[in-house]
Amino acid sequence: MNYDRSAVMRAVKSRGTGPERAVCALLRPIAPGYRLHRADLPGKPDVAYGRRKLAIFVHGCFWHGHDCARGARMPKTNVAYWQAKIARNRARDAKTLAAYSTMGWRALVVYECELKDKTALAARLAVALAGGHGAL
């Protein structure tokens, strides 16, 4: 067993991550009053606006199989495990987003690579918050 890999995996957080905090910092001046990790909503969205019926998910590119350079990179060891893991994550994400659609909510997915251009991301968030088509 590779204990180094186990230590790294244990250190991976699901809440309060750097990308999540960065998105919240962009949202605060646009529209404060969000809630974090609402357990009563499918997938426990990272950020939720109840009155606006908008759920925002902040996804890590690797973990959710994004099509950017970081998301396409696959570990060199145990490749079959990682491919299956990421495929399960993507299937779960699709199911969660479909649940929001049936509930009459909008869902927005922000990938960590989008944080490189904070101006564009802030504009996308503002459009989504205004009820526009910035959400999926």
N, C-alpha and C. Protein backbone atom coordinates (compact mmCIF):
# COMPACT_ATOMS: atom_id res chain seq x y z
N MET A 1 0.85 -1.19 0.00
CA MET A 1 0.00 0.00 0.00
C MET A 1 0.89 1.24 0.00
N ASN A 2 0.48 2.20 -0.74
CA ASN A 2 1.26 3.43 -0.86
C ASN A 2 0.75 4.42 0.19
N TYR A 3 1.49 4.54 1.28
CA TYR A 3 1.05 5.40 2.39
C TYR A 3 1.18 6.88 2.05
N ASP A 4 2.10 7.21 1.16
CA ASP A 4 2.21 8.61 0.73
C ASP A 4 0.94 9.04 0.02
N ARG A 5 0.44 8.20 -0.88
CA ARG A 5 -0.79 8.51 -1.61
C ARG A 5 -1.95 8.61 -0.63
N SER A 6 -2.01 7.71 0.34
CA SER A 6 -3.09 7.74 1.33
C SER A 6 -3.08 9.04 2.12
N ALA A 7 -1.90 9.49 2.48
CA ALA A 7 -1.79 10.75 3.23
C ALA A 7 -2.26 11.92 2.39
N VAL A 8 -1.91 11.91 1.12
CA VAL A 8 -2.34 12.99 0.23
C VAL A 8 -3.85 12.98 0.08
N MET A 9 -4.44 11.81 -0.11
CA MET A 9 -5.88 11.70 -0.30
C MET A 9 -6.64 12.11 0.97
N ARG A 10 -6.12 11.79 2.13
CA ARG A 10 -6.76 12.20 3.38
C ARG A 10 -6.77 13.72 3.54
N ALA A 11 -5.78 14.37 2.96
CA ALA A 11 -5.66 15.82 3.10
C ALA A 11 -6.61 16.58 2.17
N VAL A 12 -7.22 15.90 1.21
CA VAL A 12 -8.12 16.56 0.27
C VAL A 12 -9.42 16.88 0.99
N LYS A 13 -9.78 18.18 0.99
CA LYS A 13 -10.97 18.62 1.69
C LYS A 13 -12.15 18.70 0.73
N SER A 14 -13.36 18.62 1.27
CA SER A 14 -14.54 18.79 0.45
C SER A 14 -15.24 20.12 0.74
N ARG A 15 -14.89 20.76 1.84
CA ARG A 15 -15.49 22.04 2.22
C ARG A 15 -14.40 23.05 2.52
N GLY A 16 -14.70 24.30 2.24
CA GLY A 16 -13.76 25.36 2.58
C GLY A 16 -12.48 25.32 1.76
N THR A 17 -12.56 24.82 0.54
CA THR A 17 -11.38 24.74 -0.31
C THR A 17 -11.00 26.13 -0.83
N GLY A 18 -9.81 26.25 -1.33
CA GLY A 18 -9.35 27.53 -1.89
C GLY A 18 -10.25 28.02 -3.01
N PRO A 19 -10.57 27.17 -4.00
CA PRO A 19 -11.46 27.64 -5.06
C PRO A 19 -12.85 28.05 -4.54
N GLU A 20 -13.36 27.32 -3.58
CA GLU A 20 -14.66 27.67 -3.00
C GLU A 20 -14.60 29.04 -2.32
N ARG A 21 -13.55 29.28 -1.56
CA ARG A 21 -13.40 30.58 -0.88
C ARG A 21 -13.24 31.71 -1.90
N ALA A 22 -12.55 31.43 -3.00
CA ALA A 22 -12.36 32.45 -4.05
C ALA A 22 -13.69 32.81 -4.71
N VAL A 23 -14.53 31.81 -4.97
CA VAL A 23 -15.84 32.07 -5.55
C VAL A 23 -16.70 32.88 -4.58
N CYS A 24 -16.65 32.54 -3.31
CA CYS A 24 -17.42 33.30 -2.30
C CYS A 24 -16.94 34.74 -2.23
N ALA A 25 -15.64 34.94 -2.37
CA ALA A 25 -15.10 36.31 -2.35
C ALA A 25 -15.61 37.10 -3.56
N LEU A 26 -15.81 36.44 -4.69
CA LEU A 26 -16.37 37.12 -5.86
C LEU A 26 -17.87 37.38 -5.68
N LEU A 27 -18.56 36.50 -4.99
CA LEU A 27 -20.01 36.64 -4.80
C LEU A 27 -20.37 37.70 -3.78
N ARG A 28 -19.54 37.87 -2.75
CA ARG A 28 -19.87 38.77 -1.65
C ARG A 28 -20.24 40.18 -2.13
N PRO A 29 -19.46 40.83 -2.99
CA PRO A 29 -19.86 42.18 -3.42
C PRO A 29 -21.04 42.18 -4.39
N ILE A 30 -21.24 41.08 -5.12
CA ILE A 30 -22.32 41.02 -6.10
C ILE A 30 -23.66 40.77 -5.41
N ALA A 31 -23.70 39.73 -4.59
CA ALA A 31 -24.96 39.35 -3.93
C ALA A 31 -24.66 38.56 -2.66
N PRO A 32 -24.53 39.26 -1.54
CA PRO A 32 -24.34 38.54 -0.28
C PRO A 32 -25.64 37.83 0.09
N GLY A 33 -25.59 37.04 1.12
CA GLY A 33 -26.80 36.38 1.59
C GLY A 33 -26.95 34.95 1.09
N TYR A 34 -25.87 34.36 0.69
CA TYR A 34 -25.91 32.96 0.26
C TYR A 34 -25.71 32.05 1.46
N ARG A 35 -26.02 30.78 1.27
CA ARG A 35 -25.76 29.77 2.29
C ARG A 35 -24.80 28.74 1.72
N LEU A 36 -23.95 28.23 2.58
CA LEU A 36 -22.97 27.24 2.16
C LEU A 36 -23.43 25.83 2.52
N HIS A 37 -23.23 24.90 1.60
CA HIS A 37 -23.40 23.46 1.85
C HIS A 37 -24.78 23.10 2.42
N ARG A 38 -25.83 23.52 1.75
CA ARG A 38 -27.19 23.21 2.21
C ARG A 38 -27.46 21.72 2.07
N ALA A 39 -27.62 21.06 3.19
CA ALA A 39 -27.81 19.60 3.19
C ALA A 39 -29.19 19.20 2.68
N ASP A 40 -30.13 20.14 2.64
CA ASP A 40 -31.48 19.81 2.17
C ASP A 40 -31.60 19.86 0.65
N LEU A 41 -30.54 20.21 -0.04
CA LEU A 41 -30.55 20.26 -1.51
C LEU A 41 -29.69 19.13 -2.07
N PRO A 42 -30.05 18.62 -3.24
CA PRO A 42 -29.27 17.53 -3.83
C PRO A 42 -27.80 17.91 -4.03
N GLY A 43 -26.91 17.03 -3.64
CA GLY A 43 -25.49 17.24 -3.83
C GLY A 43 -24.86 18.26 -2.90
N LYS A 44 -25.60 18.80 -1.96
CA LYS A 44 -25.10 19.82 -1.03
C LYS A 44 -24.28 20.88 -1.78
N PRO A 45 -24.94 21.77 -2.51
CA PRO A 45 -24.20 22.76 -3.29
C PRO A 45 -23.26 23.59 -2.42
N ASP A 46 -22.14 23.98 -3.00
CA ASP A 46 -21.17 24.79 -2.26
C ASP A 46 -21.77 26.12 -1.85
N VAL A 47 -22.57 26.71 -2.74
CA VAL A 47 -23.23 27.99 -2.47
C VAL A 47 -24.67 27.87 -2.95
N ALA A 48 -25.61 28.35 -2.15
CA ALA A 48 -27.02 28.31 -2.55
C ALA A 48 -27.70 29.62 -2.21
N TYR A 49 -28.48 30.09 -3.18
CA TYR A 49 -29.34 31.26 -2.98
C TYR A 49 -30.77 30.75 -3.03
N GLY A 50 -31.42 30.66 -1.88
CA GLY A 50 -32.76 30.09 -1.79
C GLY A 50 -33.82 30.88 -2.54
N ARG A 51 -33.88 32.17 -2.33
CA ARG A 51 -34.90 32.99 -2.99
C ARG A 51 -34.72 33.03 -4.49
N ARG A 52 -33.49 33.01 -4.92
CA ARG A 52 -33.20 33.06 -6.37
C ARG A 52 -33.26 31.68 -7.01
N LYS A 53 -33.37 30.65 -6.17
CA LYS A 53 -33.36 29.26 -6.64
C LYS A 53 -32.15 28.99 -7.54
N LEU A 54 -30.99 29.29 -6.98
CA LEU A 54 -29.74 29.09 -7.70
C LEU A 54 -28.76 28.33 -6.81
N ALA A 55 -28.24 27.25 -7.34
CA ALA A 55 -27.23 26.46 -6.64
C ALA A 55 -25.93 26.56 -7.44
N ILE A 56 -24.84 26.81 -6.73
CA ILE A 56 -23.53 26.94 -7.37
C ILE A 56 -22.63 25.85 -6.83
N PHE A 57 -22.07 25.07 -7.74
CA PHE A 57 -21.12 24.02 -7.40
C PHE A 57 -19.74 24.45 -7.85
N VAL A 58 -18.76 24.36 -6.97
CA VAL A 58 -17.37 24.68 -7.31
C VAL A 58 -16.65 23.34 -7.40
N HIS A 59 -16.27 22.97 -8.63
CA HIS A 59 -15.68 21.66 -8.87
C HIS A 59 -14.18 21.76 -9.13
N GLY A 60 -13.47 20.81 -8.59
CA GLY A 60 -12.06 20.65 -8.93
C GLY A 60 -11.97 20.00 -10.30
N CYS A 61 -11.11 20.51 -11.15
CA CYS A 61 -11.02 20.02 -12.53
C CYS A 61 -10.66 18.54 -12.59
N PHE A 62 -9.71 18.11 -11.78
CA PHE A 62 -9.30 16.70 -11.80
C PHE A 62 -10.42 15.81 -11.32
N TRP A 63 -11.01 16.12 -10.19
CA TRP A 63 -12.00 15.25 -9.56
C TRP A 63 -13.27 15.10 -10.37
N HIS A 64 -13.60 16.09 -11.17
CA HIS A 64 -14.86 16.07 -11.92
C HIS A 64 -14.64 15.92 -13.42
N GLY A 65 -13.43 15.59 -13.83
CA GLY A 65 -13.15 15.27 -15.22
C GLY A 65 -13.40 16.40 -16.20
N HIS A 66 -13.01 17.61 -15.80
CA HIS A 66 -13.18 18.75 -16.69
C HIS A 66 -12.29 18.58 -17.91
N ASP A 67 -12.62 19.23 -19.01
CA ASP A 67 -11.86 19.04 -20.24
C ASP A 67 -10.69 20.02 -20.39
N CYS A 68 -10.22 20.58 -19.30
CA CYS A 68 -9.03 21.43 -19.34
C CYS A 68 -7.79 20.56 -19.14
N ALA A 69 -6.62 21.18 -19.16
CA ALA A 69 -5.37 20.43 -19.04
C ALA A 69 -5.28 19.69 -17.70
N ARG A 70 -5.68 20.35 -16.64
CA ARG A 70 -5.59 19.70 -15.33
C ARG A 70 -6.61 18.57 -15.18
N GLY A 71 -7.78 18.76 -15.73
CA GLY A 71 -8.81 17.73 -15.65
C GLY A 71 -8.51 16.52 -16.51
N ALA A 72 -7.79 16.72 -17.60
CA ALA A 72 -7.48 15.62 -18.51
C ALA A 72 -6.28 14.81 -18.04
N ARG A 73 -5.52 15.34 -17.10
CA ARG A 73 -4.32 14.64 -16.61
C ARG A 73 -4.73 13.46 -15.74
N MET A 74 -4.20 12.31 -16.03
CA MET A 74 -4.54 11.10 -15.29
C MET A 74 -3.29 10.61 -14.55
N PRO A 75 -3.46 10.16 -13.30
CA PRO A 75 -2.30 9.62 -12.57
C PRO A 75 -1.70 8.44 -13.35
N LYS A 76 -0.41 8.23 -13.17
CA LYS A 76 0.28 7.17 -13.90
C LYS A 76 0.08 5.80 -13.27
N THR A 77 -0.28 5.77 -11.99
CA THR A 77 -0.50 4.49 -11.33
C THR A 77 -2.00 4.30 -11.09
N ASN A 78 -2.42 3.04 -11.15
CA ASN A 78 -3.81 2.66 -10.87
C ASN A 78 -4.79 3.41 -11.78
N VAL A 79 -4.48 3.48 -13.06
CA VAL A 79 -5.25 4.27 -14.02
C VAL A 79 -6.70 3.81 -14.09
N ALA A 80 -6.93 2.51 -14.08
CA ALA A 80 -8.30 2.00 -14.20
C ALA A 80 -9.16 2.49 -13.03
N TYR A 81 -8.59 2.50 -11.83
CA TYR A 81 -9.33 2.99 -10.66
C TYR A 81 -9.72 4.46 -10.85
N TRP A 82 -8.77 5.29 -11.27
CA TRP A 82 -9.04 6.71 -11.39
C TRP A 82 -10.03 7.01 -12.50
N GLN A 83 -9.94 6.28 -13.60
CA GLN A 83 -10.91 6.49 -14.69
C GLN A 83 -12.33 6.16 -14.20
N ALA A 84 -12.45 5.05 -13.48
CA ALA A 84 -13.78 4.66 -12.96
C ALA A 84 -14.27 5.67 -11.92
N LYS A 85 -13.37 6.12 -11.06
CA LYS A 85 -13.73 7.09 -10.01
C LYS A 85 -14.25 8.38 -10.63
N ILE A 86 -13.53 8.90 -11.61
CA ILE A 86 -13.94 10.16 -12.24
C ILE A 86 -15.23 9.97 -13.03
N ALA A 87 -15.40 8.81 -13.67
CA ALA A 87 -16.64 8.52 -14.39
C ALA A 87 -17.83 8.49 -13.43
N ARG A 88 -17.63 7.90 -12.25
CA ARG A 88 -18.71 7.90 -11.24
C ARG A 88 -19.03 9.32 -10.77
N ASN A 89 -17.99 10.13 -10.57
CA ASN A 89 -18.21 11.52 -10.16
C ASN A 89 -19.01 12.27 -11.22
N ARG A 90 -18.65 12.08 -12.48
CA ARG A 90 -19.36 12.78 -13.58
C ARG A 90 -20.81 12.33 -13.67
N ALA A 91 -21.05 11.02 -13.49
CA ALA A 91 -22.42 10.51 -13.54
C ALA A 91 -23.24 11.09 -12.38
N ARG A 92 -22.63 11.15 -11.19
CA ARG A 92 -23.31 11.72 -10.03
C ARG A 92 -23.61 13.20 -10.26
N ASP A 93 -22.65 13.93 -10.85
CA ASP A 93 -22.87 15.35 -11.15
C ASP A 93 -24.05 15.54 -12.10
N ALA A 94 -24.12 14.72 -13.14
CA ALA A 94 -25.21 14.83 -14.11
C ALA A 94 -26.56 14.56 -13.45
N LYS A 95 -26.61 13.56 -12.59
CA LYS A 95 -27.84 13.23 -11.87
C LYS A 95 -28.25 14.38 -10.95
N THR A 96 -27.29 14.96 -10.28
CA THR A 96 -27.57 16.08 -9.37
C THR A 96 -28.10 17.29 -10.14
N LEU A 97 -27.47 17.63 -11.25
CA LEU A 97 -27.92 18.78 -12.05
C LEU A 97 -29.32 18.54 -12.61
N ALA A 98 -29.62 17.30 -12.99
CA ALA A 98 -30.96 16.98 -13.48
C ALA A 98 -32.00 17.16 -12.37
N ALA A 99 -31.63 16.84 -11.14
CA ALA A 99 -32.55 17.01 -10.02
C ALA A 99 -32.92 18.48 -9.82
N TYR A 100 -31.97 19.38 -10.01
CA TYR A 100 -32.26 20.80 -9.88
C TYR A 100 -33.22 21.26 -10.96
N SER A 101 -33.04 20.75 -12.15
CA SER A 101 -33.92 21.10 -13.25
C SER A 101 -35.36 20.71 -12.94
N THR A 102 -35.55 19.51 -12.39
CA THR A 102 -36.91 19.07 -12.07
C THR A 102 -37.50 19.84 -10.88
N MET A 103 -36.65 20.38 -10.01
CA MET A 103 -37.12 21.16 -8.87
C MET A 103 -37.44 22.60 -9.24
N GLY A 104 -37.08 23.00 -10.45
CA GLY A 104 -37.30 24.39 -10.86
C GLY A 104 -36.19 25.32 -10.42
N TRP A 105 -35.06 24.76 -10.06
CA TRP A 105 -33.89 25.54 -9.67
C TRP A 105 -32.92 25.62 -10.84
N ARG A 106 -32.03 26.59 -10.79
CA ARG A 106 -30.93 26.67 -11.74
C ARG A 106 -29.66 26.23 -11.02
N ALA A 107 -28.78 25.60 -11.75
CA ALA A 107 -27.52 25.15 -11.17
C ALA A 107 -26.38 25.67 -12.04
N LEU A 108 -25.37 26.16 -11.38
CA LEU A 108 -24.19 26.69 -12.06
C LEU A 108 -22.98 25.91 -11.57
N VAL A 109 -22.18 25.43 -12.51
CA VAL A 109 -20.95 24.72 -12.17
C VAL A 109 -19.77 25.62 -12.50
N VAL A 110 -18.93 25.84 -11.51
CA VAL A 110 -17.71 26.63 -11.69
C VAL A 110 -16.54 25.69 -11.48
N TYR A 111 -15.69 25.57 -12.49
CA TYR A 111 -14.49 24.74 -12.37
C TYR A 111 -13.33 25.59 -11.88
N GLU A 112 -12.42 24.97 -11.15
CA GLU A 112 -11.32 25.72 -10.53
C GLU A 112 -10.47 26.45 -11.57
N CYS A 113 -10.37 25.93 -12.79
CA CYS A 113 -9.55 26.60 -13.81
C CYS A 113 -10.16 27.95 -14.22
N GLU A 114 -11.47 28.12 -14.02
CA GLU A 114 -12.13 29.39 -14.36
C GLU A 114 -11.69 30.53 -13.46
N LEU A 115 -11.09 30.19 -12.33
CA LEU A 115 -10.64 31.22 -11.40
C LEU A 115 -9.42 31.97 -11.92
N LYS A 116 -8.81 31.49 -12.99
CA LYS A 116 -7.67 32.20 -13.57
C LYS A 116 -8.09 33.55 -14.12
N ASP A 117 -9.34 33.65 -14.61
CA ASP A 117 -9.87 34.91 -15.12
C ASP A 117 -11.02 35.34 -14.23
N LYS A 118 -10.68 36.00 -13.13
CA LYS A 118 -11.68 36.37 -12.13
C LYS A 118 -12.70 37.37 -12.67
N THR A 119 -12.28 38.24 -13.57
CA THR A 119 -13.21 39.23 -14.15
C THR A 119 -14.30 38.53 -14.94
N ALA A 120 -13.91 37.58 -15.78
CA ALA A 120 -14.90 36.85 -16.58
C ALA A 120 -15.80 36.01 -15.69
N LEU A 121 -15.24 35.39 -14.67
CA LEU A 121 -16.04 34.58 -13.76
C LEU A 121 -17.01 35.45 -12.98
N ALA A 122 -16.58 36.61 -12.52
CA ALA A 122 -17.48 37.52 -11.79
C ALA A 122 -18.64 37.95 -12.69
N ALA A 123 -18.36 38.20 -13.96
CA ALA A 123 -19.41 38.57 -14.90
C ALA A 123 -20.39 37.41 -15.10
N ARG A 124 -19.87 36.20 -15.20
CA ARG A 124 -20.72 35.01 -15.36
C ARG A 124 -21.60 34.80 -14.12
N LEU A 125 -21.03 34.99 -12.94
CA LEU A 125 -21.79 34.87 -11.70
C LEU A 125 -22.88 35.93 -11.63
N ALA A 126 -22.56 37.16 -12.02
CA ALA A 126 -23.54 38.25 -11.98
C ALA A 126 -24.72 37.95 -12.91
N VAL A 127 -24.43 37.42 -14.10
CA VAL A 127 -25.50 37.07 -15.04
C VAL A 127 -26.39 35.98 -14.45
N ALA A 128 -25.76 34.97 -13.86
CA ALA A 128 -26.53 33.88 -13.24
C ALA A 128 -27.39 34.38 -12.10
N LEU A 129 -26.85 35.27 -11.29
CA LEU A 129 -27.59 35.82 -10.15
C LEU A 129 -28.75 36.71 -10.59
N ALA A 130 -28.59 37.34 -11.75
CA ALA A 130 -29.65 38.20 -12.28
C ALA A 130 -30.74 37.37 -12.95
N GLY A 131 -30.57 36.06 -12.97
CA GLY A 131 -31.59 35.20 -13.58
C GLY A 131 -31.33 34.93 -15.04
N GLY A 132 -30.14 35.29 -15.50
CA GLY A 132 -29.80 35.09 -16.90
C GLY A 132 -29.40 33.67 -17.20
N HIS A 133 -28.77 33.48 -18.32
CA HIS A 133 -28.42 32.15 -18.79
C HIS A 133 -27.00 31.77 -18.45
N GLY A 134 -26.47 32.30 -17.36
CA GLY A 134 -25.12 31.92 -16.92
C GLY A 134 -25.12 30.56 -16.23
N ALA A 135 -26.32 30.07 -15.91
CA ALA A 135 -26.41 28.77 -15.23
C ALA A 135 -26.66 27.69 -16.26
N LEU A 136 -26.36 26.46 -15.87
CA LEU A 136 -26.58 25.32 -16.77
C LEU A 136 -28.05 25.09 -16.95
